[in-house]
Structures are given as structure tokens and as C-alpha cells.
Amino acid sequence: MSNELNQQSKGRIVIRLGRHHLSFSMMDASQTEAPVTYEPYVMKSGISVAANLREALKGAALDRMGIRKALVMVDVPILLIPIEIFEESKMDDMYSHSFPHKEQESVLYNVLPDLNAVAVFAINKDVKTVLDDNFGDLKIVVALTPVWRHLHRRSFTGARGKLYGYLHDQKLDIFSFHQNRFKFYNQFETARAHDTLYFLLYVWKQQMLNAEHDELHLVGEGLADEQSELVSELRRYLQNVYIINPSAEFNRAPVTKIKGMPFDLMALFTNGR
């Protein structure tokens, strides 16, 4: 992850927002044992994401500190466009072609210069209004950004081809890189290990990777057990399957001990410091 994004998290509430999850985090450099405060919020069914966010902000301990700066990490469908062909005037049409969205959504974008890409995404206008009403200084980024940047740096080690899978929120993000660009990216809904296995092997075959030589690296939810059903099944077909352990990956950083914190937040708070 870039130092710029990490710097943006300092002095701000970091809000991670998706369809079914919401959390608040904040960095506190004065606390060496627990430098990050993490406060998840249980989303209520039957009311909109915007209504959930409004209620959560009223009760969040971090919000009561009077902070008016926020970095919002949104977990939403993403369209990646090569930076050299991106045109802001055409991004709405391009996004709508890939992900039909409703009129109450605003299409935004993040430039990823280190990956030569632009991430285009949509956010509900009511959610955006709640954020604007609560924060005078607001930055919105896709939640995958720190994961992409961290694993992109990792992709330069060794000569073997590498495919990455990030499991989170009943979804699977699969991606790979070629030098300073994305080679592949897609997101899949995955409620079962069997679905995850199918998508990983399908993309592996599509990318023409070698089952004996190339590598599959997985990180995220449900991977703590090396003998899990998913990992065991993958190793029946692929020789080099690796599970990324956050504690080892980030040199036992205190943030990796926070229960329930997703890998993208760990990467945000750990890298670039």
C-alpha cells in the first residue's frame, strides 16, 4: 500500500463499509501496545445502509471524539480501467455497461498510478449524503486498494507466476499482476468452500498457469486452518498453494491481533509507516 494512503488514515476515522458490514477504526500512535482502535457495528436488517450508517455514527465511540475527517473504504463492485485509456467523462457509461446501477448511486473513481489503473465504483447517494453531513474532510477509496498494493509488491519475489485470492464478506477477489499492471481481476460471490474452489481453479486454468510450477496465494477469512476443506482440495490439483498469515506477513504487528479485523484494514494500518 502506498505511503500516501497510509498518511490519509492518520488523524481520521477509517470507516469500512459494505452491504452487510460496517466498522470504525482509528490510528493512535501514542499507544504502542494497541495503536489502532477497531469498533465493528452490527448492521440491522430491514433498514438501508444509509440508515445503518447514520445510527452507527450517532453511537460510535470514535465519532464522539468530534473528529471531522474520515477515510471511507467501500466494499463494492469495481471496474478497473487502464490509466492510459481512462476518461472521466465516459466512466459512468463504462461502469453502467459492466455493473448496471441505479440512479440513486454516484459513480466515483480512484487513480492507482503504481498499478497503471483507475478503479471505478459506485456509492449510494444517501450514504454519501450521510458522510458529507458528518465529515468536512472526506476521502473514499475501494477497500481492496491496500490489499492490491501489498500483494503487488509481493509478486516481484521469485520467477514463478502468482495468482492471489482474497476471501472476505462471503466474496472472493482473484487477481494477478504483470510487472506494474493488473493481469487479471474479478470478484465472485462465494458462500461455500466448493464455490471458492471452483472459481480459483477456473481462473487458474483461464490464465494458463502451471499446476506444478506456479503459485496460488490465499488470504482472508476461513483460512486459519491449513487443513481446511478448501486448502486440502486445492492441494489435490495445485502443487504450490500458500496461506498468507497476517501475523507473519506484518511481522507480528499489534494490529494483526485485533479480533475480526479484515486483512485490508491490517494492510492499511501496517504498511507505509
C-alpha atoms as a PDB file:
ATOM      1  CA  MET A   1       0.000   0.000   0.000  1.00  0.00           C
ATOM      2  CA  SER A   2       1.289   3.461  -0.783  1.00  0.00           C
ATOM      3  CA  ASN A   3       2.559   5.768   1.932  1.00  0.00           C
ATOM      4  CA  GLU A   4       0.044   8.358   0.674  1.00  0.00           C
ATOM      5  CA  LEU A   5      -2.948   6.194   1.576  1.00  0.00           C
ATOM      6  CA  ASN A   6      -1.420   5.338   4.943  1.00  0.00           C
ATOM      7  CA  GLN A   7      -0.857   9.030   5.661  1.00  0.00           C
ATOM      8  CA  GLN A   8      -4.510   9.683   4.845  1.00  0.00           C
ATOM      9  CA  SER A   9      -5.528   7.285   7.630  1.00  0.00           C
ATOM     10  CA  LYS A  10      -3.698   9.271  10.307  1.00  0.00           C
ATOM     11  CA  GLY A  11      -5.907  11.621  12.276  1.00  0.00           C
ATOM     12  CA  ARG A  12      -9.014  10.243  10.597  1.00  0.00           C
ATOM     13  CA  ILE A  13     -11.756   7.816  11.370  1.00  0.00           C
ATOM     14  CA  VAL A  14     -11.444   4.918   8.951  1.00  0.00           C
ATOM     15  CA  ILE A  15     -14.904   3.633   8.025  1.00  0.00           C
ATOM     16  CA  ARG A  16     -15.105   0.279   6.264  1.00  0.00           C
ATOM     17  CA  LEU A  17     -18.479  -0.028   4.590  1.00  0.00           C
ATOM     18  CA  GLY A  18     -20.208  -2.767   2.596  1.00  0.00           C
ATOM     19  CA  ARG A  19     -23.663  -4.210   2.085  1.00  0.00           C
ATOM     20  CA  HIS A  20     -23.585  -6.257   5.283  1.00  0.00           C
ATOM     21  CA  HIS A  21     -20.742  -4.855   7.369  1.00  0.00           C
ATOM     22  CA  LEU A  22     -19.660  -1.584   8.930  1.00  0.00           C
ATOM     23  CA  SER A  23     -16.749  -0.736  11.190  1.00  0.00           C
ATOM     24  CA  PHE A  24     -14.866   2.238  12.579  1.00  0.00           C
ATOM     25  CA  SER A  25     -11.113   2.328  13.149  1.00  0.00           C
ATOM     26  CA  MET A  26      -8.562   4.913  14.102  1.00  0.00           C
ATOM     27  CA  MET A  27      -4.812   5.054  14.457  1.00  0.00           C
ATOM     28  CA  ASP A  28      -3.347   6.286  17.751  1.00  0.00           C
ATOM     29  CA  ALA A  29       0.446   6.415  17.500  1.00  0.00           C
ATOM     30  CA  SER A  30       0.761   7.250  21.215  1.00  0.00           C
ATOM     31  CA  GLN A  31      -0.440   3.735  22.133  1.00  0.00           C
ATOM     32  CA  THR A  32       2.361   1.259  21.389  1.00  0.00           C
ATOM     33  CA  GLU A  33       0.525  -1.848  22.598  1.00  0.00           C
ATOM     34  CA  ALA A  34      -2.739  -1.118  20.775  1.00  0.00           C
ATOM     35  CA  PRO A  35      -2.027   1.615  18.191  1.00  0.00           C
ATOM     36  CA  VAL A  36      -5.345   1.082  16.395  1.00  0.00           C
ATOM     37  CA  THR A  37      -8.864   1.202  17.826  1.00  0.00           C
ATOM     38  CA  TYR A  38     -11.316  -1.053  16.000  1.00  0.00           C
ATOM     39  CA  GLU A  39     -15.075  -0.823  16.540  1.00  0.00           C
ATOM     40  CA  PRO A  40     -17.346  -3.074  14.410  1.00  0.00           C
ATOM     41  CA  TYR A  41     -21.045  -2.281  14.106  1.00  0.00           C
ATOM     42  CA  VAL A  42     -23.741  -4.927  13.622  1.00  0.00           C
ATOM     43  CA  MET A  43     -25.851  -3.890  10.639  1.00  0.00           C
ATOM     44  CA  LYS A  44     -29.623  -4.020  11.219  1.00  0.00           C
ATOM     45  CA  SER A  45     -31.715  -5.834   8.636  1.00  0.00           C
ATOM     46  CA  GLY A  46     -34.803  -4.124   7.268  1.00  0.00           C
ATOM     47  CA  ILE A  47     -33.246  -0.662   7.031  1.00  0.00           C
ATOM     48  CA  SER A  48     -30.972   0.833   4.398  1.00  0.00           C
ATOM     49  CA  VAL A  49     -27.191   1.024   4.553  1.00  0.00           C
ATOM     50  CA  ALA A  50     -27.511   4.805   4.869  1.00  0.00           C
ATOM     51  CA  ALA A  51     -29.858   4.457   7.864  1.00  0.00           C
ATOM     52  CA  ASN A  52     -27.491   1.952   9.472  1.00  0.00           C
ATOM     53  CA  LEU A  53     -24.586   4.309   8.931  1.00  0.00           C
ATOM     54  CA  ARG A  54     -26.489   7.244  10.413  1.00  0.00           C
ATOM     55  CA  GLU A  55     -27.365   5.260  13.547  1.00  0.00           C
ATOM     56  CA  ALA A  56     -23.856   3.866  13.855  1.00  0.00           C
ATOM     57  CA  LEU A  57     -22.295   7.315  13.681  1.00  0.00           C
ATOM     58  CA  LYS A  58     -24.523   8.523  16.487  1.00  0.00           C
ATOM     59  CA  GLY A  59     -23.387   5.754  18.805  1.00  0.00           C
ATOM     60  CA  ALA A  60     -19.789   5.188  17.744  1.00  0.00           C
ATOM     61  CA  ALA A  61     -17.265   5.945  20.451  1.00  0.00           C
ATOM     62  CA  LEU A  62     -14.813   7.220  17.848  1.00  0.00           C
ATOM     63  CA  ASP A  63     -17.382   9.631  16.439  1.00  0.00           C
ATOM     64  CA  ARG A  64     -17.981  11.132  19.857  1.00  0.00           C
ATOM     65  CA  MET A  65     -14.371  12.319  19.798  1.00  0.00           C
ATOM     66  CA  GLY A  66     -15.513  15.067  17.439  1.00  0.00           C
ATOM     67  CA  ILE A  67     -13.332  14.015  14.513  1.00  0.00           C
ATOM     68  CA  ARG A  68     -14.367  15.609  11.230  1.00  0.00           C
ATOM     69  CA  LYS A  69     -12.015  13.704   8.949  1.00  0.00           C
ATOM     70  CA  ALA A  70     -12.823  10.285   7.503  1.00  0.00           C
ATOM     71  CA  LEU A  71     -11.248   7.773   5.159  1.00  0.00           C
ATOM     72  CA  VAL A  72     -14.060   5.550   3.877  1.00  0.00           C
ATOM     73  CA  MET A  73     -13.149   2.123   2.471  1.00  0.00           C
ATOM     74  CA  VAL A  74     -16.069   0.821   0.428  1.00  0.00           C
ATOM     75  CA  ASP A  75     -16.506  -2.841  -0.428  1.00  0.00           C
ATOM     76  CA  VAL A  76     -18.403  -2.563  -3.723  1.00  0.00           C
ATOM     77  CA  PRO A  77     -18.152  -3.892  -7.304  1.00  0.00           C
ATOM     78  CA  ILE A  78     -15.130  -2.406  -9.069  1.00  0.00           C
ATOM     79  CA  LEU A  79     -14.313  -1.733 -12.696  1.00  0.00           C
ATOM     80  CA  LEU A  80     -10.585  -1.465 -13.391  1.00  0.00           C
ATOM     81  CA  ILE A  81      -9.634   0.654 -16.411  1.00  0.00           C
ATOM     82  CA  PRO A  82      -6.069   1.038 -17.769  1.00  0.00           C
ATOM     83  CA  ILE A  83      -4.927   4.520 -16.824  1.00  0.00           C
ATOM     84  CA  GLU A  84      -3.943   5.423 -20.394  1.00  0.00           C
ATOM     85  CA  ILE A  85      -7.492   4.975 -21.738  1.00  0.00           C
ATOM     86  CA  PHE A  86      -9.434   6.333 -18.765  1.00  0.00           C
ATOM     87  CA  GLU A  87     -11.683   9.312 -19.486  1.00  0.00           C
ATOM     88  CA  GLU A  88     -13.689  10.772 -16.622  1.00  0.00           C
ATOM     89  CA  SER A  89     -16.445  11.900 -18.987  1.00  0.00           C
ATOM     90  CA  LYS A  90     -17.028   8.296 -20.089  1.00  0.00           C
ATOM     91  CA  MET A  91     -16.657   6.468 -16.768  1.00  0.00           C
ATOM     92  CA  ASP A  92     -20.389   6.459 -15.949  1.00  0.00           C
ATOM     93  CA  ASP A  93     -21.233   4.725 -19.212  1.00  0.00           C
ATOM     94  CA  MET A  94     -18.373   2.265 -18.872  1.00  0.00           C
ATOM     95  CA  TYR A  95     -19.328   1.384 -15.308  1.00  0.00           C
ATOM     96  CA  SER A  96     -23.017   1.049 -16.178  1.00  0.00           C
ATOM     97  CA  HIS A  97     -22.148  -1.293 -19.013  1.00  0.00           C
ATOM     98  CA  SER A  98     -20.292  -3.592 -16.612  1.00  0.00           C
ATOM     99  CA  PHE A  99     -22.445  -3.125 -13.496  1.00  0.00           C
ATOM    100  CA  PRO A 100     -25.968  -1.830 -14.156  1.00  0.00           C
ATOM    101  CA  HIS A 101     -26.627   0.590 -11.320  1.00  0.00           C
ATOM    102  CA  LYS A 102     -29.479   2.742 -10.178  1.00  0.00           C
ATOM    103  CA  GLU A 103     -29.999   6.495 -10.425  1.00  0.00           C
ATOM    104  CA  GLN A 104     -29.523   6.895  -6.665  1.00  0.00           C
ATOM    105  CA  GLU A 105     -25.856   5.910  -6.998  1.00  0.00           C
ATOM    106  CA  SER A 106     -22.913   8.187  -7.719  1.00  0.00           C
ATOM    107  CA  VAL A 107     -20.015   6.848  -9.773  1.00  0.00           C
ATOM    108  CA  LEU A 108     -16.582   7.703  -8.338  1.00  0.00           C
ATOM    109  CA  TYR A 109     -13.024   6.694  -9.112  1.00  0.00           C
ATOM    110  CA  ASN A 110      -9.588   6.205  -7.541  1.00  0.00           C
ATOM    111  CA  VAL A 111      -6.403   6.590  -9.572  1.00  0.00           C
ATOM    112  CA  LEU A 112      -3.843   3.853  -8.867  1.00  0.00           C
ATOM    113  CA  PRO A 113      -0.695   5.222 -10.538  1.00  0.00           C
ATOM    114  CA  ASP A 114       1.581   2.480  -9.185  1.00  0.00           C
ATOM    115  CA  LEU A 115      -0.634  -0.108 -10.886  1.00  0.00           C
ATOM    116  CA  ASN A 116      -1.352   1.945 -14.010  1.00  0.00           C
ATOM    117  CA  ALA A 117      -5.083   1.606 -13.434  1.00  0.00           C
ATOM    118  CA  VAL A 118      -8.159   3.537 -12.348  1.00  0.00           C
ATOM    119  CA  ALA A 119     -10.684   1.860 -10.053  1.00  0.00           C
ATOM    120  CA  VAL A 120     -14.231   2.971 -10.881  1.00  0.00           C
ATOM    121  CA  PHE A 121     -17.032   2.227  -8.417  1.00  0.00           C
ATOM    122  CA  ALA A 122     -20.453   3.435  -7.277  1.00  0.00           C
ATOM    123  CA  ILE A 123     -21.724   4.573  -3.894  1.00  0.00           C
ATOM    124  CA  ASN A 124     -25.309   5.148  -2.821  1.00  0.00           C
ATOM    125  CA  LYS A 125     -26.161   8.857  -2.845  1.00  0.00           C
ATOM    126  CA  ASP A 126     -27.912   8.659   0.539  1.00  0.00           C
ATOM    127  CA  VAL A 127     -24.795   7.074   2.040  1.00  0.00           C
ATOM    128  CA  LYS A 128     -22.679   9.829   0.500  1.00  0.00           C
ATOM    129  CA  THR A 129     -25.019  12.470   1.990  1.00  0.00           C
ATOM    130  CA  VAL A 130     -24.683  10.959   5.480  1.00  0.00           C
ATOM    131  CA  LEU A 131     -20.901  11.001   5.135  1.00  0.00           C
ATOM    132  CA  ASP A 132     -20.845  14.580   3.844  1.00  0.00           C
ATOM    133  CA  ASP A 133     -23.097  15.701   6.713  1.00  0.00           C
ATOM    134  CA  ASN A 134     -20.758  14.194   9.306  1.00  0.00           C
ATOM    135  CA  PHE A 135     -17.318  14.866   7.902  1.00  0.00           C
ATOM    136  CA  GLY A 136     -15.847  18.036   6.492  1.00  0.00           C
ATOM    137  CA  ASP A 137     -12.817  16.242   5.095  1.00  0.00           C
ATOM    138  CA  LEU A 138     -13.813  13.014   3.339  1.00  0.00           C
ATOM    139  CA  LYS A 139     -11.840  10.581   1.192  1.00  0.00           C
ATOM    140  CA  ILE A 140     -13.485   7.493  -0.334  1.00  0.00           C
ATOM    141  CA  VAL A 141     -11.422   4.567  -1.625  1.00  0.00           C
ATOM    142  CA  VAL A 142     -12.143   0.980  -2.601  1.00  0.00           C
ATOM    143  CA  ALA A 143     -11.401  -1.425   0.251  1.00  0.00           C
ATOM    144  CA  LEU A 144      -9.205  -3.627  -1.962  1.00  0.00           C
ATOM    145  CA  THR A 145      -6.636  -0.873  -2.545  1.00  0.00           C
ATOM    146  CA  PRO A 146      -4.243  -1.708   0.334  1.00  0.00           C
ATOM    147  CA  VAL A 147      -4.502  -5.437  -0.455  1.00  0.00           C
ATOM    148  CA  TRP A 148      -3.700  -4.904  -4.121  1.00  0.00           C
ATOM    149  CA  ARG A 149      -0.709  -2.729  -3.341  1.00  0.00           C
ATOM    150  CA  HIS A 150       0.675  -5.010  -0.666  1.00  0.00           C
ATOM    151  CA  LEU A 151       0.404  -8.162  -2.761  1.00  0.00           C
ATOM    152  CA  HIS A 152       1.639  -6.365  -5.864  1.00  0.00           C
ATOM    153  CA  ARG A 153       4.942  -5.749  -4.068  1.00  0.00           C
ATOM    154  CA  ARG A 154       4.933  -9.402  -3.035  1.00  0.00           C
ATOM    155  CA  SER A 155       4.516 -10.505  -6.662  1.00  0.00           C
ATOM    156  CA  PHE A 156       8.075  -9.452  -7.527  1.00  0.00           C
ATOM    157  CA  THR A 157       9.644 -12.177  -5.348  1.00  0.00           C
ATOM    158  CA  GLY A 158      10.745 -15.193  -7.364  1.00  0.00           C
ATOM    159  CA  ALA A 159      10.261 -16.022 -11.020  1.00  0.00           C
ATOM    160  CA  ARG A 160       7.097 -18.100 -10.734  1.00  0.00           C
ATOM    161  CA  GLY A 161       3.686 -16.911 -11.839  1.00  0.00           C
ATOM    162  CA  LYS A 162       1.413 -15.958  -8.938  1.00  0.00           C
ATOM    163  CA  LEU A 163      -2.341 -15.829  -8.536  1.00  0.00           C
ATOM    164  CA  TYR A 164      -3.889 -14.208  -5.439  1.00  0.00           C
ATOM    165  CA  GLY A 165      -7.217 -14.841  -3.750  1.00  0.00           C
ATOM    166  CA  TYR A 166      -8.706 -12.660  -1.004  1.00  0.00           C
ATOM    167  CA  LEU A 167     -11.687 -14.125   0.868  1.00  0.00           C
ATOM    168  CA  HIS A 168     -13.890 -11.689   2.749  1.00  0.00           C
ATOM    169  CA  ASP A 169     -17.570 -10.941   3.394  1.00  0.00           C
ATOM    170  CA  GLN A 170     -18.723 -14.077   1.506  1.00  0.00           C
ATOM    171  CA  LYS A 171     -16.821 -12.906  -1.556  1.00  0.00           C
ATOM    172  CA  LEU A 172     -13.642 -13.876  -3.335  1.00  0.00           C
ATOM    173  CA  ASP A 173     -11.407 -11.383  -5.114  1.00  0.00           C
ATOM    174  CA  ILE A 174      -8.955 -13.025  -7.524  1.00  0.00           C
ATOM    175  CA  PHE A 175      -6.146 -11.053  -9.136  1.00  0.00           C
ATOM    176  CA  SER A 176      -2.669 -11.261 -10.603  1.00  0.00           C
ATOM    177  CA  PHE A 177      -0.054  -8.827 -11.848  1.00  0.00           C
ATOM    178  CA  HIS A 178       2.410  -8.472 -14.671  1.00  0.00           C
ATOM    179  CA  GLN A 179       5.149  -6.019 -13.738  1.00  0.00           C
ATOM    180  CA  ASN A 180       3.359  -2.747 -12.821  1.00  0.00           C
ATOM    181  CA  ARG A 181      -0.074  -3.673 -14.108  1.00  0.00           C
ATOM    182  CA  PHE A 182      -3.015  -5.871 -13.333  1.00  0.00           C
ATOM    183  CA  LYS A 183      -3.007  -9.006 -15.433  1.00  0.00           C
ATOM    184  CA  PHE A 184      -6.364 -10.195 -14.091  1.00  0.00           C
ATOM    185  CA  TYR A 185      -9.014  -9.092 -11.609  1.00  0.00           C
ATOM    186  CA  ASN A 186     -12.523 -10.272 -10.832  1.00  0.00           C
ATOM    187  CA  GLN A 187     -14.796 -10.694  -7.819  1.00  0.00           C
ATOM    188  CA  PHE A 188     -17.114 -13.627  -7.135  1.00  0.00           C
ATOM    189  CA  GLU A 189     -19.877 -14.270  -4.616  1.00  0.00           C
ATOM    190  CA  THR A 190     -18.851 -17.312  -2.569  1.00  0.00           C
ATOM    191  CA  ALA A 191     -20.995 -18.752   0.200  1.00  0.00           C
ATOM    192  CA  ARG A 192     -19.349 -22.204   0.261  1.00  0.00           C
ATOM    193  CA  ALA A 193     -15.844 -23.649   0.037  1.00  0.00           C
ATOM    194  CA  HIS A 194     -16.919 -25.582  -3.075  1.00  0.00           C
ATOM    195  CA  ASP A 195     -17.750 -22.307  -4.862  1.00  0.00           C
ATOM    196  CA  THR A 196     -14.407 -20.805  -3.888  1.00  0.00           C
ATOM    197  CA  LEU A 197     -12.580 -23.892  -5.147  1.00  0.00           C
ATOM    198  CA  TYR A 198     -14.409 -23.766  -8.471  1.00  0.00           C
ATOM    199  CA  PHE A 199     -13.660 -20.080  -9.121  1.00  0.00           C
ATOM    200  CA  LEU A 200      -9.983 -20.373  -8.164  1.00  0.00           C
ATOM    201  CA  LEU A 201      -9.386 -23.374 -10.402  1.00  0.00           C
ATOM    202  CA  TYR A 202     -11.418 -21.822 -13.234  1.00  0.00           C
ATOM    203  CA  VAL A 203      -9.319 -18.634 -13.200  1.00  0.00           C
ATOM    204  CA  TRP A 204      -6.112 -20.656 -12.793  1.00  0.00           C
ATOM    205  CA  LYS A 205      -6.938 -22.579 -15.962  1.00  0.00           C
ATOM    206  CA  GLN A 206      -8.090 -19.439 -17.785  1.00  0.00           C
ATOM    207  CA  GLN A 207      -4.771 -17.741 -17.028  1.00  0.00           C
ATOM    208  CA  MET A 208      -2.908 -20.829 -18.268  1.00  0.00           C
ATOM    209  CA  LEU A 209      -0.882 -21.175 -15.080  1.00  0.00           C
ATOM    210  CA  ASN A 210       1.230 -24.265 -14.466  1.00  0.00           C
ATOM    211  CA  ALA A 211      -0.054 -26.583 -11.711  1.00  0.00           C
ATOM    212  CA  GLU A 212       3.463 -27.784 -10.832  1.00  0.00           C
ATOM    213  CA  HIS A 213       5.439 -24.573 -11.197  1.00  0.00           C
ATOM    214  CA  ASP A 214       3.249 -21.522 -10.462  1.00  0.00           C
ATOM    215  CA  GLU A 215       1.832 -20.377  -7.118  1.00  0.00           C
ATOM    216  CA  LEU A 216      -1.562 -19.671  -5.559  1.00  0.00           C
ATOM    217  CA  HIS A 217      -1.545 -17.352  -2.525  1.00  0.00           C
ATOM    218  CA  LEU A 218      -4.665 -17.040  -0.367  1.00  0.00           C
ATOM    219  CA  VAL A 219      -5.501 -14.613   2.419  1.00  0.00           C
ATOM    220  CA  GLY A 220      -8.607 -13.725   4.385  1.00  0.00           C
ATOM    221  CA  GLU A 221     -11.466 -15.407   6.186  1.00  0.00           C
ATOM    222  CA  GLY A 222     -11.662 -19.133   6.895  1.00  0.00           C
ATOM    223  CA  LEU A 223      -8.004 -19.833   6.155  1.00  0.00           C
ATOM    224  CA  ALA A 224      -6.592 -20.163   9.672  1.00  0.00           C
ATOM    225  CA  ASP A 225      -6.636 -23.956   9.388  1.00  0.00           C
ATOM    226  CA  GLU A 226      -4.093 -25.255   6.863  1.00  0.00           C
ATOM    227  CA  GLN A 227      -6.079 -28.496   6.763  1.00  0.00           C
ATOM    228  CA  SER A 228      -9.380 -26.802   5.886  1.00  0.00           C
ATOM    229  CA  GLU A 229     -11.543 -28.364   3.201  1.00  0.00           C
ATOM    230  CA  LEU A 230     -10.697 -25.618   0.702  1.00  0.00           C
ATOM    231  CA  VAL A 231      -6.929 -25.817   1.168  1.00  0.00           C
ATOM    232  CA  SER A 232      -6.909 -29.635   1.125  1.00  0.00           C
ATOM    233  CA  GLU A 233      -8.908 -29.724  -2.102  1.00  0.00           C
ATOM    234  CA  LEU A 234      -6.752 -27.086  -3.789  1.00  0.00           C
ATOM    235  CA  ARG A 235      -3.609 -29.066  -2.997  1.00  0.00           C
ATOM    236  CA  ARG A 236      -5.067 -32.046  -4.844  1.00  0.00           C
ATOM    237  CA  TYR A 237      -4.779 -30.022  -8.067  1.00  0.00           C
ATOM    238  CA  LEU A 238      -2.032 -27.433  -7.462  1.00  0.00           C
ATOM    239  CA  GLN A 239       1.409 -28.097  -6.060  1.00  0.00           C
ATOM    240  CA  ASN A 240       2.157 -24.643  -4.664  1.00  0.00           C
ATOM    241  CA  VAL A 241      -0.713 -23.357  -2.507  1.00  0.00           C
ATOM    242  CA  TYR A 242       0.232 -20.870   0.210  1.00  0.00           C
ATOM    243  CA  ILE A 243      -1.818 -19.323   3.010  1.00  0.00           C
ATOM    244  CA  ILE A 244      -0.781 -15.806   3.978  1.00  0.00           C
ATOM    245  CA  ASN A 245      -0.700 -15.483   7.763  1.00  0.00           C
ATOM    246  CA  PRO A 246      -1.264 -11.811   8.716  1.00  0.00           C
ATOM    247  CA  SER A 247       0.879 -12.026  11.863  1.00  0.00           C
ATOM    248  CA  ALA A 248       3.858 -13.376   9.946  1.00  0.00           C
ATOM    249  CA  GLU A 249       3.153 -11.171   6.923  1.00  0.00           C
ATOM    250  CA  PHE A 250       3.235  -7.981   9.007  1.00  0.00           C
ATOM    251  CA  ASN A 251       5.985  -9.039  11.404  1.00  0.00           C
ATOM    252  CA  ARG A 252       3.616  -9.597  14.360  1.00  0.00           C
ATOM    253  CA  ALA A 253       2.302  -6.039  14.223  1.00  0.00           C
ATOM    254  CA  PRO A 254      -0.201  -5.323  17.063  1.00  0.00           C
ATOM    255  CA  VAL A 255      -2.964  -4.686  14.524  1.00  0.00           C
ATOM    256  CA  THR A 256      -2.869  -8.361  13.475  1.00  0.00           C
ATOM    257  CA  LYS A 257      -4.058  -9.343  16.958  1.00  0.00           C
ATOM    258  CA  ILE A 258      -7.331  -7.429  16.677  1.00  0.00           C
ATOM    259  CA  LYS A 259     -10.128  -9.957  16.504  1.00  0.00           C
ATOM    260  CA  GLY A 260     -12.340  -9.677  13.451  1.00  0.00           C
ATOM    261  CA  MET A 261     -10.291  -7.041  11.632  1.00  0.00           C
ATOM    262  CA  PRO A 262     -10.139  -7.810   7.883  1.00  0.00           C
ATOM    263  CA  PHE A 263      -6.828  -8.083   6.078  1.00  0.00           C
ATOM    264  CA  ASP A 264      -7.419  -4.902   4.064  1.00  0.00           C
ATOM    265  CA  LEU A 265      -7.566  -2.824   7.257  1.00  0.00           C
ATOM    266  CA  MET A 266      -4.465  -4.549   8.622  1.00  0.00           C
ATOM    267  CA  ALA A 267      -2.629  -3.678   5.421  1.00  0.00           C
ATOM    268  CA  LEU A 268      -3.857  -0.089   5.598  1.00  0.00           C
ATOM    269  CA  PHE A 269      -2.616   0.478   9.133  1.00  0.00           C
ATOM    270  CA  THR A 270       0.599  -1.509   8.834  1.00  0.00           C
ATOM    271  CA  ASN A 271       2.148  -0.507   5.535  1.00  0.00           C
ATOM    272  CA  GLY A 272       3.914   2.707   4.766  1.00  0.00           C
ATOM    273  CA  ARG A 273       4.636   3.631   8.376  1.00  0.00           C
END
